[in-house]
Amino acid sequence: MKKTLTVNLGGTVYNIDEDAYTLLDSYLNNLRYHFRKNPEGEEIVRDMENRIAELFDECVSGGSRVVTVENVEAIIARMGKPEELNDAEEDVAEEKPDKDEKVVRHLFRNPDDKVLGGVASGIAAYLGWDVVPLRLLLIVAGCFFQWLLLVYLAAWIIIPLARTATEKLQMRGEPVNMENIGRTVTGGFEKKDSSPEDRSLLHKIGDVLVTVFGFVLKLCLILLAVCCFPVLFVVLIVAFALLLAAAGILVNVPSLFYEFSPVIDWNMVSAFPVTSGVMAVCGLLVVGIPIAGLVQVLMQVFGNWKPMSTVAKLILILVWLVAVIVGAIVFFDSPFLGSVML
C-alpha cells in the first residue's frame, strides 16, 4: 500500500504516489539549482513544469488514475537531466535526437517574426516553409482577392499566439525537452536566415516589400479602427441595452402573454413566480455569454489580454448549454404556455 498525494502542476491537479512525488520534487529542485544563475531561470523551470503537466495528461488519459514513479522516470528520460545538458554543451556534435518522441507541429502565430500579427510566419513554421515567399504570395493574392484580407484577419483572431517556450517549440516542430526550452527562453535558439550575409537578393527584396506593405496595411487598419470606433462603441451600447431589454422582457413574459391572450388563467400563472425568474436568468446567460466571449476575443487580439484558460472556456460553454436546455424546459413546461395551448 502506497500513500497518494495531490499536487498542482501547471495549473492542473494530479494524484501522484509518494515515491513519484519525491523523484519529481528532486528533479525540479535540480532544475532550479542548475538555472539559478540564469536571469530567465524561473521562466525555464515554469515552462518545464507546464511540459511535465502535459506529459502527465498523457499518462492519465492512458487509463492510469495515479501518476507512478515509472511515469515520472519515463518523463525525466524524455525531458533530460541537468547533467546531461552540461554534457551536450561540451560536445554538441555527439547530440542525438530522441527517436522515441514523436514531434507533432501545432499551429500558432509567431511572436518572434511578425509583421502583421505573426500569422504568415506561424503558418510557415507549421508547414516548414520559408516565410518570405509565403508573405509575397499572400501580398500578390491579396491584391487580386480582397476577401483574403478578411480571411487573414479571421486567422489573426482564431489562431493563438505562441507565448511560452513549449508552444514555440511545438510551432517549429522541435522536441520539447530541457535543452530546447532553455535555449528558447534565453533567446539562444537558432533562427533560420538570421545572418544578413547569408540571405539572398530575393530575400532582401522580399523583406523590404513585406515591411512596406505591412506598414501601409497597419496604417490602414489604424485609420479604420479610428473611424469605426464610434460605431463599435454605439454597437456595444446597443448590445448592452438589448441585453437589459431581453432581461426585462423575460421577467415580464407572463404579463405579455396576458396582454395578448387574456383568456390565460392568470391566477395559476401568478402562483409560479419562480418560472419567470429562472427564464430571466437563463436568457441573460444565453445572450450575455456570447457577448462576453466576443469582447474577450477582441481584447485578446487588440488589447493584449491574456487568453482565457481551457477550463474557463469549457465552463462557459457548459453553462451556456445548461441555460439553453433549462430555459427551453421551463418555457415549454410553464403553466401560462399550457393555458395558451388550451
Protein backbone atom coordinates (compact mmCIF):
# COMPACT_ATOMS: atom_id res chain seq x y z
CA MET A 1 0.00 0.00 0.00
CA LYS A 2 1.41 3.39 -1.07
CA LYS A 3 0.46 6.85 0.09
CA THR A 4 -1.08 9.03 -2.65
CA LEU A 5 -0.54 12.79 -2.74
CA THR A 6 -2.23 15.60 -4.62
CA VAL A 7 -0.04 18.09 -6.48
CA ASN A 8 -0.78 21.19 -8.54
CA LEU A 9 1.44 21.30 -11.61
CA GLY A 10 0.95 23.76 -14.43
CA GLY A 11 -2.42 24.79 -13.01
CA THR A 12 -3.78 21.21 -13.02
CA VAL A 13 -4.25 18.90 -10.04
CA TYR A 14 -2.86 15.36 -10.26
CA ASN A 15 -2.85 12.34 -7.97
CA ILE A 16 0.69 11.04 -7.58
CA ASP A 17 2.14 8.36 -5.34
CA GLU A 18 4.70 9.27 -2.69
CA ASP A 19 7.75 7.79 -4.45
CA ALA A 20 6.89 9.57 -7.70
CA TYR A 21 6.41 12.85 -5.81
CA THR A 22 9.82 12.52 -4.16
CA LEU A 23 11.51 11.87 -7.51
CA LEU A 24 9.66 14.71 -9.25
CA ASP A 25 10.39 17.17 -6.44
CA SER A 26 14.08 16.26 -6.54
CA TYR A 27 14.14 16.71 -10.33
CA LEU A 28 12.51 20.14 -10.19
CA ASN A 29 14.86 21.24 -7.39
CA ASN A 30 17.83 20.15 -9.52
CA LEU A 31 16.45 22.21 -12.40
CA ARG A 32 16.10 25.28 -10.20
CA TYR A 33 19.64 24.83 -8.92
CA HIS A 34 21.00 24.34 -12.45
CA PHE A 35 19.37 27.54 -13.77
CA ARG A 36 19.81 29.58 -10.55
CA LYS A 37 22.33 31.97 -12.16
CA ASN A 38 20.27 32.40 -15.32
CA PRO A 39 18.09 35.55 -15.33
CA GLU A 40 15.40 33.54 -17.11
CA GLY A 41 15.77 30.55 -14.81
CA GLU A 42 12.33 30.81 -13.23
CA GLU A 43 10.64 31.02 -16.63
CA ILE A 44 12.60 27.99 -17.86
CA VAL A 45 11.54 25.91 -14.85
CA ARG A 46 7.95 27.10 -15.22
CA ASP A 47 7.89 26.02 -18.87
CA MET A 48 9.40 22.70 -17.85
CA GLU A 49 6.62 22.23 -15.29
CA ASN A 50 4.00 23.01 -17.95
CA ARG A 51 5.55 20.43 -20.26
CA ILE A 52 5.63 17.82 -17.49
CA ALA A 53 1.95 18.57 -16.82
CA GLU A 54 1.19 17.84 -20.49
CA LEU A 55 3.00 14.52 -20.21
CA PHE A 56 1.06 13.78 -17.02
CA ASP A 57 -2.13 14.33 -19.02
CA GLU A 58 -0.97 11.64 -21.44
CA CYS A 59 -0.43 9.24 -18.54
CA VAL A 60 -3.86 9.97 -17.08
CA SER A 61 -5.61 9.73 -20.46
CA GLY A 62 -3.94 6.36 -20.97
CA GLY A 63 -6.04 4.89 -18.17
CA SER A 64 -3.82 5.49 -15.15
CA ARG A 65 -5.58 7.30 -12.32
CA VAL A 66 -2.40 7.90 -10.34
CA VAL A 67 0.97 9.08 -11.64
CA THR A 68 3.53 6.45 -10.67
CA VAL A 69 7.28 6.56 -10.24
CA GLU A 70 7.63 4.71 -13.56
CA ASN A 71 5.72 7.52 -15.29
CA VAL A 72 8.00 10.15 -13.73
CA GLU A 73 11.13 8.22 -14.71
CA ALA A 74 9.90 7.99 -18.31
CA ILE A 75 9.14 11.71 -18.37
CA ILE A 76 12.58 12.60 -16.99
CA ALA A 77 14.15 10.40 -19.66
CA ARG A 78 12.26 12.33 -22.34
CA MET A 79 12.93 15.77 -20.88
CA GLY A 80 16.58 15.22 -19.98
CA LYS A 81 18.57 15.87 -16.81
CA PRO A 82 20.65 18.96 -15.95
CA GLU A 83 23.89 16.96 -16.01
CA GLU A 84 23.01 15.70 -19.50
CA LEU A 85 22.54 19.30 -20.59
CA ASN A 86 26.08 20.12 -19.46
CA ASP A 87 27.44 17.16 -21.42
CA ALA A 88 25.55 18.32 -24.50
CA GLU A 89 27.02 21.79 -24.24
CA GLU A 90 30.53 20.36 -24.09
CA ASP A 91 30.07 18.10 -27.11
CA VAL A 92 27.24 19.25 -29.39
CA ALA A 93 28.41 17.05 -32.24
CA GLU A 94 27.52 13.89 -30.38
CA GLU A 95 23.99 15.06 -29.68
CA LYS A 96 21.33 12.64 -30.92
CA PRO A 97 17.63 13.35 -31.26
CA ASP A 98 15.15 11.39 -29.22
CA LYS A 99 13.73 8.87 -31.64
CA ASP A 100 11.10 7.70 -29.19
CA GLU A 101 9.38 11.08 -29.07
CA LYS A 102 7.11 11.84 -31.98
CA VAL A 103 7.21 15.54 -32.72
CA VAL A 104 3.85 16.99 -33.75
CA ARG A 105 3.64 20.54 -35.08
CA HIS A 106 0.99 22.89 -33.74
CA LEU A 107 -0.33 25.99 -35.46
CA PHE A 108 0.45 29.21 -33.59
CA ARG A 109 1.10 32.83 -34.50
CA ASN A 110 4.82 33.54 -34.32
CA PRO A 111 5.59 36.42 -31.91
CA ASP A 112 9.31 36.48 -32.78
CA ASP A 113 8.87 37.15 -36.51
CA LYS A 114 5.71 39.10 -37.08
CA VAL A 115 4.80 41.88 -39.46
CA LEU A 116 1.04 41.79 -39.03
CA GLY A 117 0.11 39.54 -36.14
CA GLY A 118 2.60 36.77 -36.95
CA VAL A 119 0.04 34.76 -38.94
CA ALA A 120 2.18 34.20 -42.04
CA SER A 121 5.31 33.31 -40.08
CA GLY A 122 3.29 30.96 -37.88
CA ILE A 123 1.84 29.17 -40.92
CA ALA A 124 5.31 28.99 -42.48
CA ALA A 125 6.74 27.45 -39.31
CA TYR A 126 3.88 24.96 -39.17
CA LEU A 127 4.39 23.90 -42.80
CA GLY A 128 8.19 24.09 -42.64
CA TRP A 129 8.32 26.72 -45.41
CA ASP A 130 10.35 29.87 -45.86
CA VAL A 131 8.26 32.78 -44.61
CA VAL A 132 9.40 35.36 -47.22
CA PRO A 133 7.93 33.61 -50.32
CA LEU A 134 4.74 32.90 -48.37
CA ARG A 135 4.39 36.57 -47.44
CA LEU A 136 5.00 37.66 -51.03
CA LEU A 137 2.40 35.13 -52.20
CA LEU A 138 -0.13 36.48 -49.71
CA ILE A 139 0.56 40.07 -50.82
CA VAL A 140 0.09 39.24 -54.51
CA ALA A 141 -3.01 37.15 -53.82
CA GLY A 142 -4.43 39.89 -51.61
CA CYS A 143 -4.20 42.38 -54.48
CA PHE A 144 -6.43 40.16 -56.65
CA PHE A 145 -8.67 38.64 -53.99
CA GLN A 146 -9.76 41.28 -51.48
CA TRP A 147 -11.65 38.71 -49.40
CA LEU A 148 -8.27 37.22 -48.49
CA LEU A 149 -7.75 40.16 -46.12
CA LEU A 150 -10.86 39.15 -44.18
CA VAL A 151 -9.58 35.56 -44.03
CA TYR A 152 -6.23 36.85 -42.73
CA LEU A 153 -7.92 38.95 -40.04
CA ALA A 154 -10.07 35.97 -39.04
CA ALA A 155 -6.94 33.81 -38.78
CA TRP A 156 -5.36 36.56 -36.66
CA ILE A 157 -8.26 36.26 -34.22
CA ILE A 158 -8.65 32.46 -34.27
CA ILE A 159 -5.02 31.25 -34.28
CA PRO A 160 -3.49 31.58 -30.78
CA LEU A 161 -0.17 33.31 -30.17
CA ALA A 162 2.81 31.15 -29.15
CA ARG A 163 3.51 32.69 -25.74
CA THR A 164 5.51 30.01 -23.92
CA ALA A 165 8.70 28.23 -24.88
CA THR A 166 6.80 24.95 -25.21
CA GLU A 167 4.36 26.47 -27.69
CA LYS A 168 7.20 27.98 -29.74
CA LEU A 169 8.94 24.60 -29.93
CA GLN A 170 5.69 22.89 -30.91
CA MET A 171 5.20 25.53 -33.60
CA ARG A 172 8.64 24.78 -35.08
CA GLY A 173 8.26 21.03 -34.69
CA GLU A 174 11.20 20.82 -32.28
CA PRO A 175 11.38 18.28 -29.43
CA VAL A 176 10.13 19.81 -26.20
CA ASN A 177 13.00 18.98 -23.85
CA MET A 178 15.05 20.83 -21.27
CA GLU A 179 17.80 21.94 -23.65
CA ASN A 180 15.47 23.39 -26.28
CA ILE A 181 13.29 25.09 -23.67
CA GLY A 182 16.38 26.67 -22.10
CA ARG A 183 17.68 27.93 -25.44
CA THR A 184 14.28 29.27 -26.46
CA VAL A 185 13.68 31.17 -23.22
CA THR A 186 17.19 32.67 -23.11
CA GLY A 187 16.99 33.72 -26.76
CA GLY A 188 19.75 31.37 -27.84
CA PHE A 189 17.56 29.36 -30.16
CA GLU A 190 18.96 29.32 -33.68
CA LYS A 191 16.77 31.06 -36.22
CA LYS A 192 16.90 30.41 -39.91
CA ASP A 193 18.22 33.16 -42.12
CA SER A 194 19.30 35.24 -39.12
CA SER A 195 22.55 36.37 -40.73
CA PRO A 196 22.16 39.19 -43.30
CA GLU A 197 25.19 37.93 -45.24
CA ASP A 198 23.54 34.54 -45.83
CA ARG A 199 20.33 35.99 -47.26
CA SER A 200 19.83 36.08 -51.00
CA LEU A 201 18.84 39.14 -53.00
CA LEU A 202 15.30 37.77 -53.32
CA HIS A 203 15.01 37.50 -49.55
CA LYS A 204 16.26 41.07 -49.05
CA ILE A 205 13.83 42.44 -51.67
CA GLY A 206 11.05 40.40 -50.11
CA ASP A 207 11.86 41.78 -46.66
CA VAL A 208 11.63 45.35 -47.97
CA LEU A 209 8.33 44.71 -49.79
CA VAL A 210 6.81 42.93 -46.81
CA THR A 211 7.93 45.68 -44.42
CA VAL A 212 6.48 48.44 -46.64
CA PHE A 213 3.24 46.54 -47.25
CA GLY A 214 2.92 45.70 -43.56
CA PHE A 215 3.42 49.35 -42.58
CA VAL A 216 0.80 50.53 -45.09
CA LEU A 217 -1.66 47.85 -44.00
CA LYS A 218 -1.12 48.64 -40.32
CA LEU A 219 -1.70 52.32 -41.05
CA CYS A 220 -4.92 51.49 -42.91
CA LEU A 221 -6.12 49.29 -40.05
CA ILE A 222 -5.37 52.03 -37.51
CA LEU A 223 -7.31 54.59 -39.58
CA LEU A 224 -10.15 52.10 -40.00
CA ALA A 225 -10.19 51.44 -36.26
CA VAL A 226 -10.26 55.18 -35.51
CA CYS A 227 -13.13 55.68 -37.96
CA CYS A 228 -15.05 52.65 -36.74
CA PHE A 229 -14.51 53.23 -33.02
CA PRO A 230 -17.63 55.41 -32.61
CA VAL A 231 -19.66 52.81 -34.49
CA LEU A 232 -18.28 49.97 -32.37
CA PHE A 233 -18.95 51.98 -29.22
CA VAL A 234 -22.56 52.53 -30.28
CA VAL A 235 -22.90 48.83 -31.16
CA LEU A 236 -21.66 47.82 -27.70
CA ILE A 237 -24.05 50.26 -26.04
CA VAL A 238 -26.95 48.95 -28.14
CA ALA A 239 -25.97 45.35 -27.38
CA PHE A 240 -25.90 46.11 -23.65
CA ALA A 241 -29.26 47.86 -23.89
CA LEU A 242 -30.72 44.89 -25.77
CA LEU A 243 -29.37 42.60 -23.07
CA LEU A 244 -31.14 44.61 -20.38
CA ALA A 245 -34.28 44.76 -22.51
CA ALA A 246 -34.19 41.00 -23.00
CA ALA A 247 -33.93 40.54 -19.25
CA GLY A 248 -36.91 42.81 -18.69
CA ILE A 249 -38.96 41.04 -21.33
CA LEU A 250 -38.16 37.63 -19.89
CA VAL A 251 -39.10 38.77 -16.40
CA ASN A 252 -42.45 40.01 -17.70
CA VAL A 253 -43.22 37.11 -20.02
CA PRO A 254 -46.41 36.20 -18.11
CA SER A 255 -47.65 39.78 -18.36
CA LEU A 256 -47.01 39.83 -22.11
CA PHE A 257 -48.90 36.60 -22.57
CA TYR A 258 -51.73 38.06 -20.54
CA GLU A 259 -51.84 41.18 -22.74
CA PHE A 260 -52.01 39.17 -25.94
CA SER A 261 -54.15 36.34 -24.53
CA PRO A 262 -56.49 37.49 -21.76
CA VAL A 263 -58.03 34.02 -21.62
CA ILE A 264 -54.99 32.75 -19.69
CA ASP A 265 -55.69 31.64 -16.15
CA TRP A 266 -53.68 34.46 -14.58
CA ASN A 267 -54.19 33.21 -11.05
CA MET A 268 -52.49 29.92 -11.95
CA VAL A 269 -49.61 31.75 -13.61
CA SER A 270 -49.01 34.05 -10.65
CA ALA A 271 -48.75 31.01 -8.45
CA PHE A 272 -45.43 30.18 -10.12
CA PRO A 273 -43.23 33.31 -9.77
CA VAL A 274 -40.06 31.20 -9.88
CA THR A 275 -40.70 30.39 -13.55
CA SER A 276 -40.18 33.99 -14.65
CA GLY A 277 -37.01 34.33 -12.60
CA VAL A 278 -35.48 31.14 -13.98
CA MET A 279 -36.30 32.17 -17.55
CA ALA A 280 -34.80 35.61 -16.95
CA VAL A 281 -31.53 34.16 -15.62
CA CYS A 282 -31.33 31.66 -18.49
CA GLY A 283 -32.00 34.40 -21.02
CA LEU A 284 -29.25 36.60 -19.58
CA LEU A 285 -26.77 33.72 -19.74
CA VAL A 286 -27.75 32.71 -23.28
CA VAL A 287 -27.32 36.27 -24.57
CA GLY A 288 -24.57 37.50 -22.26
CA ILE A 289 -22.02 34.67 -22.54
CA PRO A 290 -21.55 35.04 -26.35
CA ILE A 291 -21.21 38.82 -25.98
CA ALA A 292 -18.63 38.40 -23.21
CA GLY A 293 -16.76 35.84 -25.33
CA LEU A 294 -16.68 38.23 -28.29
CA VAL A 295 -15.33 41.06 -26.12
CA GLN A 296 -12.69 38.69 -24.68
CA VAL A 297 -11.52 37.64 -28.16
CA LEU A 298 -11.33 41.23 -29.43
CA MET A 299 -9.42 42.45 -26.38
CA GLN A 300 -7.13 39.41 -26.55
CA VAL A 301 -6.16 40.30 -30.12
CA PHE A 302 -6.07 44.08 -29.94
CA GLY A 303 -5.69 44.76 -26.21
CA ASN A 304 -3.02 42.23 -25.19
CA TRP A 305 -5.36 40.48 -22.78
CA LYS A 306 -4.30 37.03 -21.63
CA PRO A 307 -6.17 34.21 -23.36
CA MET A 308 -8.94 32.52 -21.43
CA SER A 309 -7.95 29.18 -19.98
CA THR A 310 -9.34 25.99 -21.45
CA VAL A 311 -11.12 25.20 -18.19
CA ALA A 312 -12.85 28.60 -18.21
CA LYS A 313 -13.93 28.12 -21.84
CA LEU A 314 -15.37 24.69 -21.09
CA ILE A 315 -17.19 26.01 -18.03
CA LEU A 316 -18.75 28.89 -20.01
CA ILE A 317 -19.80 26.56 -22.83
CA LEU A 318 -21.31 24.15 -20.32
CA VAL A 319 -23.14 26.96 -18.50
CA TRP A 320 -24.48 28.28 -21.83
CA LEU A 321 -25.75 24.83 -22.87
CA VAL A 322 -27.36 24.29 -19.46
CA ALA A 323 -29.02 27.72 -19.70
CA VAL A 324 -30.42 26.88 -23.15
CA ILE A 325 -31.72 23.48 -22.03
CA VAL A 326 -33.16 24.68 -18.72
CA GLY A 327 -34.73 27.74 -20.34
CA ALA A 328 -36.38 25.60 -23.02
CA ILE A 329 -37.66 23.08 -20.46
CA VAL A 330 -39.05 25.78 -18.17
CA PHE A 331 -40.66 27.61 -21.07
CA PHE A 332 -42.40 24.61 -22.60
CA ASP A 333 -43.46 23.30 -19.19
CA SER A 334 -44.61 26.68 -17.90
CA PRO A 335 -48.25 26.99 -16.76
CA PHE A 336 -49.05 30.01 -18.94
CA LEU A 337 -47.93 28.14 -22.06
CA GLY A 338 -50.26 25.32 -21.07
CA SER A 339 -53.09 27.79 -20.71
CA VAL A 340 -52.45 29.15 -24.22
CA MET A 341 -52.46 25.64 -25.67
CA LEU A 342 -55.80 25.03 -24.02
